[in-house]
Amino acid sequence: MQTILIDPTAEDAAQVFAGAERLPTLQGKRIALLDNIKHNAEYLLTEVGDRLRSEWGCDVDLIKKKTYTKFCEPHILKSLESYDAVITAIGD
């Protein structure tokens, strides 16, 4: 019997980048809530969206990915460019 060694390290190092700058205010901003469709993520995002609307007057849209097991679809990523900010959550 032959032993096979599997190397669990990543082949390529992830690209490091700085996060987006903070918005100076949330007042009146367009915010996308990206739901990865795992259990309970929608409940959390709905609550966050309700608070953004009531406390900051934000225009909020809930957008759902097709599946949580894969990257976001290209057409959804493109649509997110029109928002001032995107918030995502993982449920379970």
C-alpha atoms as a PDB file:
ATOM      1  CA  MET A   1       0.000   0.000   0.000  1.00  0.00           C
ATOM      2  CA  GLN A   2       1.325   3.434  -0.963  1.00  0.00           C
ATOM      3  CA  THR A   3       1.059   6.405   1.404  1.00  0.00           C
ATOM      4  CA  ILE A   4      -0.050   9.708  -0.133  1.00  0.00           C
ATOM      5  CA  LEU A   5       0.810  12.945   1.598  1.00  0.00           C
ATOM      6  CA  ILE A   6      -1.606  15.809   1.007  1.00  0.00           C
ATOM      7  CA  ASP A   7      -0.337  19.351   1.601  1.00  0.00           C
ATOM      8  CA  PRO A   8      -3.206  21.426   3.094  1.00  0.00           C
ATOM      9  CA  THR A   9      -1.527  24.791   2.537  1.00  0.00           C
ATOM     10  CA  ALA A  10      -2.892  27.168  -0.051  1.00  0.00           C
ATOM     11  CA  GLU A  11      -1.131  27.204  -3.374  1.00  0.00           C
ATOM     12  CA  ASP A  12      -1.226  30.968  -3.662  1.00  0.00           C
ATOM     13  CA  ALA A  13      -1.193  33.486  -0.852  1.00  0.00           C
ATOM     14  CA  ALA A  14      -4.319  35.588  -0.677  1.00  0.00           C
ATOM     15  CA  GLN A  15      -3.946  39.123  -1.916  1.00  0.00           C
ATOM     16  CA  VAL A  16      -3.908  41.560   0.975  1.00  0.00           C
ATOM     17  CA  PHE A  17      -5.840  44.786   0.531  1.00  0.00           C
ATOM     18  CA  ALA A  18      -7.096  47.566   2.721  1.00  0.00           C
ATOM     19  CA  GLY A  19     -10.802  47.645   3.457  1.00  0.00           C
ATOM     20  CA  ALA A  20     -13.054  50.352   2.130  1.00  0.00           C
ATOM     21  CA  GLU A  21     -12.986  53.718   3.818  1.00  0.00           C
ATOM     22  CA  ARG A  22     -15.753  54.345   6.313  1.00  0.00           C
ATOM     23  CA  LEU A  23     -18.638  56.438   5.111  1.00  0.00           C
ATOM     24  CA  PRO A  24     -18.690  59.839   6.821  1.00  0.00           C
ATOM     25  CA  THR A  25     -22.401  59.268   7.561  1.00  0.00           C
ATOM     26  CA  LEU A  26     -25.076  56.687   6.870  1.00  0.00           C
ATOM     27  CA  GLN A  27     -27.737  59.374   6.482  1.00  0.00           C
ATOM     28  CA  GLY A  28     -29.670  58.752   3.257  1.00  0.00           C
ATOM     29  CA  LYS A  29     -27.199  56.196   1.859  1.00  0.00           C
ATOM     30  CA  ARG A  30     -28.123  53.259  -0.396  1.00  0.00           C
ATOM     31  CA  ILE A  31     -27.238  50.046   1.399  1.00  0.00           C
ATOM     32  CA  ALA A  32     -27.311  46.514  -0.033  1.00  0.00           C
ATOM     33  CA  LEU A  33     -27.877  43.649   2.380  1.00  0.00           C
ATOM     34  CA  LEU A  34     -26.309  40.556   0.794  1.00  0.00           C
ATOM     35  CA  ASP A  35     -27.980  37.380   2.032  1.00  0.00           C
ATOM     36  CA  ASN A  36     -25.947  34.222   1.470  1.00  0.00           C
ATOM     37  CA  ILE A  37     -29.199  32.241   2.063  1.00  0.00           C
ATOM     38  CA  LYS A  38     -27.908  30.286   5.046  1.00  0.00           C
ATOM     39  CA  HIS A  39     -30.449  29.735   7.814  1.00  0.00           C
ATOM     40  CA  ASN A  40     -31.220  32.862   9.837  1.00  0.00           C
ATOM     41  CA  ALA A  41     -29.063  35.285   7.798  1.00  0.00           C
ATOM     42  CA  GLU A  42     -32.187  36.899   6.362  1.00  0.00           C
ATOM     43  CA  TYR A  43     -33.579  37.534   9.870  1.00  0.00           C
ATOM     44  CA  LEU A  44     -30.409  39.290  10.984  1.00  0.00           C
ATOM     45  CA  LEU A  45     -30.146  41.343   7.796  1.00  0.00           C
ATOM     46  CA  THR A  46     -33.823  42.308   7.955  1.00  0.00           C
ATOM     47  CA  GLU A  47     -33.337  43.661  11.475  1.00  0.00           C
ATOM     48  CA  VAL A  48     -30.213  45.571  10.409  1.00  0.00           C
ATOM     49  CA  GLY A  49     -32.100  46.969   7.405  1.00  0.00           C
ATOM     50  CA  ASP A  50     -35.031  48.083   9.563  1.00  0.00           C
ATOM     51  CA  ARG A  51     -32.663  49.963  11.880  1.00  0.00           C
ATOM     52  CA  LEU A  52     -30.795  51.579   8.990  1.00  0.00           C
ATOM     53  CA  ARG A  53     -34.109  52.813   7.583  1.00  0.00           C
ATOM     54  CA  SER A  54     -35.511  54.108  10.864  1.00  0.00           C
ATOM     55  CA  GLU A  55     -32.357  55.598  12.388  1.00  0.00           C
ATOM     56  CA  TRP A  56     -30.511  56.855   9.297  1.00  0.00           C
ATOM     57  CA  GLY A  57     -33.116  57.123   6.538  1.00  0.00           C
ATOM     58  CA  CYS A  58     -31.223  54.661   4.372  1.00  0.00           C
ATOM     59  CA  ASP A  59     -32.592  53.128   1.192  1.00  0.00           C
ATOM     60  CA  VAL A  60     -32.038  49.393   1.859  1.00  0.00           C
ATOM     61  CA  ASP A  61     -32.351  46.423  -0.499  1.00  0.00           C
ATOM     62  CA  LEU A  62     -32.068  42.739   0.444  1.00  0.00           C
ATOM     63  CA  ILE A  63     -30.244  40.812  -2.273  1.00  0.00           C
ATOM     64  CA  LYS A  64     -29.951  37.027  -2.181  1.00  0.00           C
ATOM     65  CA  LYS A  65     -27.154  34.894  -3.552  1.00  0.00           C
ATOM     66  CA  LYS A  66     -28.121  31.719  -5.372  1.00  0.00           C
ATOM     67  CA  THR A  67     -26.110  29.478  -3.030  1.00  0.00           C
ATOM     68  CA  TYR A  68     -23.869  29.897  -0.018  1.00  0.00           C
ATOM     69  CA  THR A  69     -21.387  27.335  -1.321  1.00  0.00           C
ATOM     70  CA  LYS A  70     -20.080  29.465  -4.179  1.00  0.00           C
ATOM     71  CA  PHE A  71     -18.905  32.972  -4.888  1.00  0.00           C
ATOM     72  CA  CYS A  72     -21.488  35.637  -5.589  1.00  0.00           C
ATOM     73  CA  GLU A  73     -22.745  35.590  -9.178  1.00  0.00           C
ATOM     74  CA  PRO A  74     -21.082  38.175 -11.482  1.00  0.00           C
ATOM     75  CA  HIS A  75     -24.346  40.000 -12.259  1.00  0.00           C
ATOM     76  CA  ILE A  76     -25.012  40.436  -8.532  1.00  0.00           C
ATOM     77  CA  LEU A  77     -21.488  41.693  -7.888  1.00  0.00           C
ATOM     78  CA  LYS A  78     -21.951  44.201 -10.704  1.00  0.00           C
ATOM     79  CA  SER A  79     -25.258  45.402  -9.241  1.00  0.00           C
ATOM     80  CA  LEU A  80     -23.625  45.968  -5.836  1.00  0.00           C
ATOM     81  CA  GLU A  81     -21.414  48.656  -7.376  1.00  0.00           C
ATOM     82  CA  SER A  82     -24.392  51.041  -7.402  1.00  0.00           C
ATOM     83  CA  TYR A  83     -24.681  51.011  -3.589  1.00  0.00           C
ATOM     84  CA  ASP A  84     -22.855  53.172  -1.082  1.00  0.00           C
ATOM     85  CA  ALA A  85     -22.212  50.145   1.132  1.00  0.00           C
ATOM     86  CA  VAL A  86     -22.835  46.407   1.292  1.00  0.00           C
ATOM     87  CA  ILE A  87     -23.504  44.447   4.466  1.00  0.00           C
ATOM     88  CA  THR A  88     -23.446  40.672   4.495  1.00  0.00           C
ATOM     89  CA  ALA A  89     -24.148  38.101   7.177  1.00  0.00           C
ATOM     90  CA  ILE A  90     -23.797  34.399   7.716  1.00  0.00           C
ATOM     91  CA  GLY A  91     -26.611  32.609   9.478  1.00  0.00           C
ATOM     92  CA  ASP A  92     -26.975  29.219  11.183  1.00  0.00           C
END
